[in-house]
Amino acid sequence: MLLALKDTARDLKDAGITAPALVFTDRDGTDRRMTAGQMIALVNAGKAWVQSVHEAKRALKAMDPIPADFADDRHWPS
């Protein structure tokens, strides 16, 4: 879904539309109206966070032994 919103945001940006034209529902259930640029930035930040989670996972898997507290927040990006 986020990649579809980013794709739509690119179309809006290419069309020169700068007004908030996209709606994103946050984790609290609040609808947020966003500009194309804001949506692109949000999706890019989300992709970077997911990448950091995968890097943390790989680092844990490389440990021998894997720490017993692997689920502790200190091992994962916030």
PDB file of N, CA and C in Angstrom:
ATOM      1  N   MET A   1       0.822  -1.191   0.000  1.00  0.00           N
ATOM      2  CA  MET A   1       0.000   0.000   0.000  1.00  0.00           C
ATOM      3  C   MET A   1       0.866   1.255   0.000  1.00  0.00           C
ATOM      4  N   LEU A   2       1.927   1.264   0.829  1.00  0.00           N
ATOM      5  CA  LEU A   2       2.756   2.464   0.882  1.00  0.00           C
ATOM      6  C   LEU A   2       3.437   2.747  -0.447  1.00  0.00           C
ATOM      7  N   LEU A   3       3.882   1.709  -1.128  1.00  0.00           N
ATOM      8  CA  LEU A   3       4.513   1.943  -2.427  1.00  0.00           C
ATOM      9  C   LEU A   3       3.506   2.485  -3.439  1.00  0.00           C
ATOM     10  N   ALA A   4       2.251   2.073  -3.322  1.00  0.00           N
ATOM     11  CA  ALA A   4       1.213   2.616  -4.202  1.00  0.00           C
ATOM     12  C   ALA A   4       0.985   4.098  -3.904  1.00  0.00           C
ATOM     13  N   LEU A   5       0.996   4.453  -2.617  1.00  0.00           N
ATOM     14  CA  LEU A   5       0.854   5.872  -2.256  1.00  0.00           C
ATOM     15  C   LEU A   5       2.038   6.679  -2.769  1.00  0.00           C
ATOM     16  N   LYS A   6       3.237   6.094  -2.690  1.00  0.00           N
ATOM     17  CA  LYS A   6       4.416   6.798  -3.197  1.00  0.00           C
ATOM     18  C   LYS A   6       4.315   6.978  -4.706  1.00  0.00           C
ATOM     19  N   ASP A   7       3.837   5.964  -5.400  1.00  0.00           N
ATOM     20  CA  ASP A   7       3.672   6.059  -6.842  1.00  0.00           C
ATOM     21  C   ASP A   7       2.682   7.169  -7.195  1.00  0.00           C
ATOM     22  N   THR A   8       1.578   7.214  -6.463  1.00  0.00           N
ATOM     23  CA  THR A   8       0.588   8.277  -6.683  1.00  0.00           C
ATOM     24  C   THR A   8       1.198   9.636  -6.361  1.00  0.00           C
ATOM     25  N   ALA A   9       1.994   9.696  -5.291  1.00  0.00           N
ATOM     26  CA  ALA A   9       2.639  10.954  -4.914  1.00  0.00           C
ATOM     27  C   ALA A   9       3.565  11.443  -6.032  1.00  0.00           C
ATOM     28  N   ARG A  10       4.292  10.518  -6.641  1.00  0.00           N
ATOM     29  CA  ARG A  10       5.170  10.901  -7.761  1.00  0.00           C
ATOM     30  C   ARG A  10       4.354  11.473  -8.915  1.00  0.00           C
ATOM     31  N   ASP A  11       3.200  10.840  -9.209  1.00  0.00           N
ATOM     32  CA  ASP A  11       2.340  11.346 -10.283  1.00  0.00           C
ATOM     33  C   ASP A  11       1.859  12.761  -9.961  1.00  0.00           C
ATOM     34  N   LEU A  12       1.446  12.975  -8.718  1.00  0.00           N
ATOM     35  CA  LEU A  12       0.975  14.308  -8.317  1.00  0.00           C
ATOM     36  C   LEU A  12       2.101  15.332  -8.409  1.00  0.00           C
ATOM     37  N   LYS A  13       3.278  14.942  -7.959  1.00  0.00           N
ATOM     38  CA  LYS A  13       4.428  15.848  -8.015  1.00  0.00           C
ATOM     39  C   LYS A  13       4.766  16.198  -9.456  1.00  0.00           C
ATOM     40  N   ASP A  14       4.763  15.181 -10.334  1.00  0.00           N
ATOM     41  CA  ASP A  14       5.039  15.409 -11.760  1.00  0.00           C
ATOM     42  C   ASP A  14       4.002  16.340 -12.389  1.00  0.00           C
ATOM     43  N   ALA A  15       2.770  16.282 -11.876  1.00  0.00           N
ATOM     44  CA  ALA A  15       1.690  17.129 -12.388  1.00  0.00           C
ATOM     45  C   ALA A  15       1.725  18.532 -11.778  1.00  0.00           C
ATOM     46  N   GLY A  16       2.655  18.766 -10.860  1.00  0.00           N
ATOM     47  CA  GLY A  16       2.780  20.086 -10.259  1.00  0.00           C
ATOM     48  C   GLY A  16       1.795  20.363  -9.145  1.00  0.00           C
ATOM     49  N   ILE A  17       1.141  19.333  -8.633  1.00  0.00           N
ATOM     50  CA  ILE A  17       0.167  19.509  -7.558  1.00  0.00           C
ATOM     51  C   ILE A  17       0.924  19.564  -6.233  1.00  0.00           C
ATOM     52  N   THR A  18       0.775  20.691  -5.535  1.00  0.00           N
ATOM     53  CA  THR A  18       1.515  20.893  -4.283  1.00  0.00           C
ATOM     54  C   THR A  18       0.609  20.891  -3.048  1.00  0.00           C
ATOM     55  N   ALA A  19      -0.690  20.909  -3.259  1.00  0.00           N
ATOM     56  CA  ALA A  19      -1.624  20.901  -2.123  1.00  0.00           C
ATOM     57  C   ALA A  19      -1.679  19.500  -1.506  1.00  0.00           C
ATOM     58  N   PRO A  20      -2.025  19.410  -0.225  1.00  0.00           N
ATOM     59  CA  PRO A  20      -2.198  18.088   0.397  1.00  0.00           C
ATOM     60  C   PRO A  20      -3.320  17.323  -0.306  1.00  0.00           C
ATOM     61  N   ALA A  21      -2.981  16.274  -1.018  1.00  0.00           N
ATOM     62  CA  ALA A  21      -3.958  15.541  -1.815  1.00  0.00           C
ATOM     63  C   ALA A  21      -4.004  14.055  -1.463  1.00  0.00           C
ATOM     64  N   LEU A  22      -3.156  13.627  -0.551  1.00  0.00           N
ATOM     65  CA  LEU A  22      -3.092  12.215  -0.171  1.00  0.00           C
ATOM     66  C   LEU A  22      -3.474  12.067   1.292  1.00  0.00           C
ATOM     67  N   VAL A  23      -4.119  10.961   1.608  1.00  0.00           N
ATOM     68  CA  VAL A  23      -4.536  10.714   2.992  1.00  0.00           C
ATOM     69  C   VAL A  23      -3.809   9.476   3.498  1.00  0.00           C
ATOM     70  N   PHE A  24      -3.194   9.610   4.665  1.00  0.00           N
ATOM     71  CA  PHE A  24      -2.531   8.499   5.334  1.00  0.00           C
ATOM     72  C   PHE A  24      -3.121   8.388   6.729  1.00  0.00           C
ATOM     73  N   THR A  25      -3.513   7.186   7.126  1.00  0.00           N
ATOM     74  CA  THR A  25      -4.066   6.978   8.460  1.00  0.00           C
ATOM     75  C   THR A  25      -2.935   6.538   9.373  1.00  0.00           C
ATOM     76  N   ASP A  26      -2.688   7.317  10.435  1.00  0.00           N
ATOM     77  CA  ASP A  26      -1.581   6.998  11.333  1.00  0.00           C
ATOM     78  C   ASP A  26      -1.970   5.882  12.301  1.00  0.00           C
ATOM     79  N   ARG A  27      -1.032   5.498  13.162  1.00  0.00           N
ATOM     80  CA  ARG A  27      -1.266   4.351  14.049  1.00  0.00           C
ATOM     81  C   ARG A  27      -2.370   4.601  15.055  1.00  0.00           C
ATOM     82  N   ASP A  28      -2.714   5.857  15.288  1.00  0.00           N
ATOM     83  CA  ASP A  28      -3.797   6.180  16.209  1.00  0.00           C
ATOM     84  C   ASP A  28      -5.147   6.251  15.510  1.00  0.00           C
ATOM     85  N   GLY A  29      -5.148   5.994  14.202  1.00  0.00           N
ATOM     86  CA  GLY A  29      -6.392   6.011  13.444  1.00  0.00           C
ATOM     87  C   GLY A  29      -6.788   7.381  12.943  1.00  0.00           C
ATOM     88  N   THR A  30      -5.869   8.335  13.022  1.00  0.00           N
ATOM     89  CA  THR A  30      -6.148   9.694  12.563  1.00  0.00           C
ATOM     90  C   THR A  30      -5.729   9.825  11.108  1.00  0.00           C
ATOM     91  N   ASP A  31      -6.637  10.340  10.289  1.00  0.00           N
ATOM     92  CA  ASP A  31      -6.314  10.588   8.886  1.00  0.00           C
ATOM     93  C   ASP A  31      -5.471  11.849   8.787  1.00  0.00           C
ATOM     94  N   ARG A  32      -4.374  11.761   8.072  1.00  0.00           N
ATOM     95  CA  ARG A  32      -3.460  12.885   7.863  1.00  0.00           C
ATOM     96  C   ARG A  32      -3.418  13.210   6.379  1.00  0.00           C
ATOM     97  N   ARG A  33      -3.735  14.446   6.056  1.00  0.00           N
ATOM     98  CA  ARG A  33      -3.640  14.893   4.669  1.00  0.00           C
ATOM     99  C   ARG A  33      -2.202  15.301   4.413  1.00  0.00           C
ATOM    100  N   MET A  34      -1.632  14.782   3.339  1.00  0.00           N
ATOM    101  CA  MET A  34      -0.223  15.002   3.062  1.00  0.00           C
ATOM    102  C   MET A  34      -0.006  15.469   1.630  1.00  0.00           C
ATOM    103  N   THR A  35       1.062  16.238   1.472  1.00  0.00           N
ATOM    104  CA  THR A  35       1.474  16.621   0.125  1.00  0.00           C
ATOM    105  C   THR A  35       2.228  15.453  -0.501  1.00  0.00           C
ATOM    106  N   ALA A  36       2.449  15.554  -1.791  1.00  0.00           N
ATOM    107  CA  ALA A  36       3.211  14.514  -2.485  1.00  0.00           C
ATOM    108  C   ALA A  36       4.606  14.390  -1.878  1.00  0.00           C
ATOM    109  N   GLY A  37       5.254  15.504  -1.623  1.00  0.00           N
ATOM    110  CA  GLY A  37       6.586  15.478  -1.041  1.00  0.00           C
ATOM    111  C   GLY A  37       6.614  14.848   0.336  1.00  0.00           C
ATOM    112  N   GLN A  38       5.604  15.148   1.136  1.00  0.00           N
ATOM    113  CA  GLN A  38       5.529  14.546   2.471  1.00  0.00           C
ATOM    114  C   GLN A  38       5.344  13.034   2.389  1.00  0.00           C
ATOM    115  N   MET A  39       4.507  12.590   1.459  1.00  0.00           N
ATOM    116  CA  MET A  39       4.267  11.153   1.321  1.00  0.00           C
ATOM    117  C   MET A  39       5.528  10.436   0.860  1.00  0.00           C
ATOM    118  N   ILE A  40       6.227  11.019  -0.094  1.00  0.00           N
ATOM    119  CA  ILE A  40       7.466  10.413  -0.578  1.00  0.00           C
ATOM    120  C   ILE A  40       8.469  10.312   0.576  1.00  0.00           C
ATOM    121  N   ALA A  41       8.585  11.366   1.355  1.00  0.00           N
ATOM    122  CA  ALA A  41       9.508  11.354   2.496  1.00  0.00           C
ATOM    123  C   ALA A  41       9.101  10.309   3.535  1.00  0.00           C
ATOM    124  N   LEU A  42       7.809  10.183   3.796  1.00  0.00           N
ATOM    125  CA  LEU A  42       7.323   9.198   4.770  1.00  0.00           C
ATOM    126  C   LEU A  42       7.654   7.775   4.319  1.00  0.00           C
ATOM    127  N   VAL A  43       7.375   7.469   3.065  1.00  0.00           N
ATOM    128  CA  VAL A  43       7.640   6.119   2.558  1.00  0.00           C
ATOM    129  C   VAL A  43       9.142   5.843   2.568  1.00  0.00           C
ATOM    130  N   ASN A  44       9.946   6.823   2.187  1.00  0.00           N
ATOM    131  CA  ASN A  44      11.393   6.618   2.204  1.00  0.00           C
ATOM    132  C   ASN A  44      11.902   6.376   3.627  1.00  0.00           C
ATOM    133  N   ALA A  45      11.364   7.097   4.600  1.00  0.00           N
ATOM    134  CA  ALA A  45      11.756   6.882   5.996  1.00  0.00           C
ATOM    135  C   ALA A  45      11.342   5.487   6.457  1.00  0.00           C
ATOM    136  N   GLY A  46      10.167   5.053   6.053  1.00  0.00           N
ATOM    137  CA  GLY A  46       9.707   3.714   6.404  1.00  0.00           C
ATOM    138  C   GLY A  46      10.587   2.633   5.804  1.00  0.00           C
ATOM    139  N   LYS A  47      10.989   2.827   4.558  1.00  0.00           N
ATOM    140  CA  LYS A  47      11.877   1.862   3.913  1.00  0.00           C
ATOM    141  C   LYS A  47      13.226   1.805   4.626  1.00  0.00           C
ATOM    142  N   ALA A  48      13.733   2.953   5.049  1.00  0.00           N
ATOM    143  CA  ALA A  48      15.012   2.985   5.769  1.00  0.00           C
ATOM    144  C   ALA A  48      14.893   2.267   7.107  1.00  0.00           C
ATOM    145  N   TRP A  49      13.765   2.437   7.784  1.00  0.00           N
ATOM    146  CA  TRP A  49      13.565   1.771   9.077  1.00  0.00           C
ATOM    147  C   TRP A  49      13.499   0.252   8.885  1.00  0.00           C
ATOM    148  N   VAL A  50      12.770  -0.199   7.887  1.00  0.00           N
ATOM    149  CA  VAL A  50      12.682  -1.639   7.631  1.00  0.00           C
ATOM    150  C   VAL A  50      14.072  -2.192   7.331  1.00  0.00           C
ATOM    151  N   GLN A  51      14.863  -1.464   6.559  1.00  0.00           N
ATOM    152  CA  GLN A  51      16.223  -1.912   6.268  1.00  0.00           C
ATOM    153  C   GLN A  51      17.044  -2.033   7.549  1.00  0.00           C
ATOM    154  N   SER A  52      16.879  -1.084   8.479  1.00  0.00           N
ATOM    155  CA  SER A  52      17.628  -1.149   9.734  1.00  0.00           C
ATOM    156  C   SER A  52      17.175  -2.339  10.587  1.00  0.00           C
ATOM    157  N   VAL A  53      15.909  -2.717  10.512  1.00  0.00           N
ATOM    158  CA  VAL A  53      15.430  -3.906  11.223  1.00  0.00           C
ATOM    159  C   VAL A  53      16.096  -5.158  10.640  1.00  0.00           C
ATOM    160  N   HIS A  54      16.179  -5.227   9.316  1.00  0.00           N
ATOM    161  CA  HIS A  54      16.826  -6.378   8.683  1.00  0.00           C
ATOM    162  C   HIS A  54      18.312  -6.443   9.046  1.00  0.00           C
ATOM    163  N   GLU A  55      18.964  -5.298   9.115  1.00  0.00           N
ATOM    164  CA  GLU A  55      20.379  -5.280   9.496  1.00  0.00           C
ATOM    165  C   GLU A  55      20.554  -5.757  10.935  1.00  0.00           C
ATOM    166  N   ALA A  56      19.661  -5.338  11.835  1.00  0.00           N
ATOM    167  CA  ALA A  56      19.728  -5.791  13.228  1.00  0.00           C
ATOM    168  C   ALA A  56      19.496  -7.294  13.310  1.00  0.00           C
ATOM    169  N   LYS A  57      18.568  -7.786  12.517  1.00  0.00           N
ATOM    170  CA  LYS A  57      18.293  -9.227  12.485  1.00  0.00           C
ATOM    171  C   LYS A  57      19.521 -10.000  12.018  1.00  0.00           C
ATOM    172  N   ARG A  58      20.147  -9.504  10.960  1.00  0.00           N
ATOM    173  CA  ARG A  58      21.339 -10.181  10.442  1.00  0.00           C
ATOM    174  C   ARG A  58      22.464 -10.178  11.476  1.00  0.00           C
ATOM    175  N   ALA A  59      22.631  -9.063  12.188  1.00  0.00           N
ATOM    176  CA  ALA A  59      23.675  -8.981  13.210  1.00  0.00           C
ATOM    177  C   ALA A  59      23.414  -9.988  14.325  1.00  0.00           C
ATOM    178  N   LEU A  60      22.163 -10.112  14.733  1.00  0.00           N
ATOM    179  CA  LEU A  60      21.835 -11.084  15.773  1.00  0.00           C
ATOM    180  C   LEU A  60      22.057 -12.512  15.291  1.00  0.00           C
ATOM    181  N   LYS A  61      21.661 -12.799  14.065  1.00  0.00           N
ATOM    182  CA  LYS A  61      21.833 -14.150  13.533  1.00  0.00           C
ATOM    183  C   LYS A  61      23.312 -14.526  13.411  1.00  0.00           C
ATOM    184  N   ALA A  62      24.174 -13.519  13.236  1.00  0.00           N
ATOM    185  CA  ALA A  62      25.606 -13.780  13.094  1.00  0.00           C
ATOM    186  C   ALA A  62      26.282 -14.051  14.433  1.00  0.00           C
ATOM    187  N   MET A  63      25.607 -13.730  15.532  1.00  0.00           N
ATOM    188  CA  MET A  63      26.195 -13.950  16.853  1.00  0.00           C
ATOM    189  C   MET A  63      26.135 -15.434  17.217  1.00  0.00           C
ATOM    190  N   ASP A  64      27.158 -15.871  17.914  1.00  0.00           N
ATOM    191  CA  ASP A  64      27.182 -17.267  18.348  1.00  0.00           C
ATOM    192  C   ASP A  64      27.642 -17.321  19.796  1.00  0.00           C
ATOM    193  N   PRO A  65      26.724 -17.522  20.693  1.00  0.00           N
ATOM    194  CA  PRO A  65      25.304 -17.814  20.475  1.00  0.00           C
ATOM    195  C   PRO A  65      24.499 -16.523  20.311  1.00  0.00           C
ATOM    196  N   ILE A  66      23.300 -16.684  19.764  1.00  0.00           N
ATOM    197  CA  ILE A  66      22.366 -15.559  19.700  1.00  0.00           C
ATOM    198  C   ILE A  66      21.989 -15.215  21.135  1.00  0.00           C
ATOM    199  N   PRO A  67      22.007 -13.933  21.500  1.00  0.00           N
ATOM    200  CA  PRO A  67      21.686 -13.569  22.879  1.00  0.00           C
ATOM    201  C   PRO A  67      20.294 -14.050  23.293  1.00  0.00           C
ATOM    202  N   ALA A  68      20.196 -14.500  24.522  1.00  0.00           N
ATOM    203  CA  ALA A  68      18.905 -14.971  25.034  1.00  0.00           C
ATOM    204  C   ALA A  68      17.875 -13.852  25.047  1.00  0.00           C
ATOM    205  N   ASP A  69      18.352 -12.615  25.171  1.00  0.00           N
ATOM    206  CA  ASP A  69      17.436 -11.471  25.221  1.00  0.00           C
ATOM    207  C   ASP A  69      17.293 -10.810  23.842  1.00  0.00           C
ATOM    208  N   PHE A  70      17.357 -11.612  22.778  1.00  0.00           N
ATOM    209  CA  PHE A  70      17.316 -11.072  21.416  1.00  0.00           C
ATOM    210  C   PHE A  70      16.108 -10.181  21.145  1.00  0.00           C
ATOM    211  N   ALA A  71      15.032 -10.377  21.900  1.00  0.00           N
ATOM    212  CA  ALA A  71      13.823  -9.573  21.688  1.00  0.00           C
ATOM    213  C   ALA A  71      13.874  -8.242  22.429  1.00  0.00           C
ATOM    214  N   ASP A  72      14.877  -8.042  23.253  1.00  0.00           N
ATOM    215  CA  ASP A  72      14.998  -6.804  24.012  1.00  0.00           C
ATOM    216  C   ASP A  72      15.138  -5.625  23.044  1.00  0.00           C
ATOM    217  N   ASP A  73      14.480  -4.541  23.379  1.00  0.00           N
ATOM    218  CA  ASP A  73      14.479  -3.370  22.508  1.00  0.00           C
ATOM    219  C   ASP A  73      15.879  -2.856  22.185  1.00  0.00           C
ATOM    220  N   ARG A  74      16.845  -3.097  23.050  1.00  0.00           N
ATOM    221  CA  ARG A  74      18.182  -2.563  22.806  1.00  0.00           C
ATOM    222  C   ARG A  74      18.839  -3.163  21.556  1.00  0.00           C
ATOM    223  N   HIS A  75      18.336  -4.294  21.095  1.00  0.00           N
ATOM    224  CA  HIS A  75      18.885  -4.933  19.898  1.00  0.00           C
ATOM    225  C   HIS A  75      18.238  -4.427  18.603  1.00  0.00           C
ATOM    226  N   TRP A  76      17.193  -3.647  18.723  1.00  0.00           N
ATOM    227  CA  TRP A  76      16.382  -3.289  17.560  1.00  0.00           C
ATOM    228  C   TRP A  76      16.277  -1.777  17.398  1.00  0.00           C
ATOM    229  N   PRO A  77      16.107  -1.312  16.167  1.00  0.00           N
ATOM    230  CA  PRO A  77      15.934   0.132  15.954  1.00  0.00           C
ATOM    231  C   PRO A  77      14.601   0.608  16.537  1.00  0.00           C
ATOM    232  N   SER A  78      14.603   1.847  16.943  1.00  0.00           N
ATOM    233  CA  SER A  78      13.348   2.390  17.497  1.00  0.00           C
ATOM    234  C   SER A  78      12.540   3.089  16.427  1.00  0.00           C
TER     235      SER A  78
END
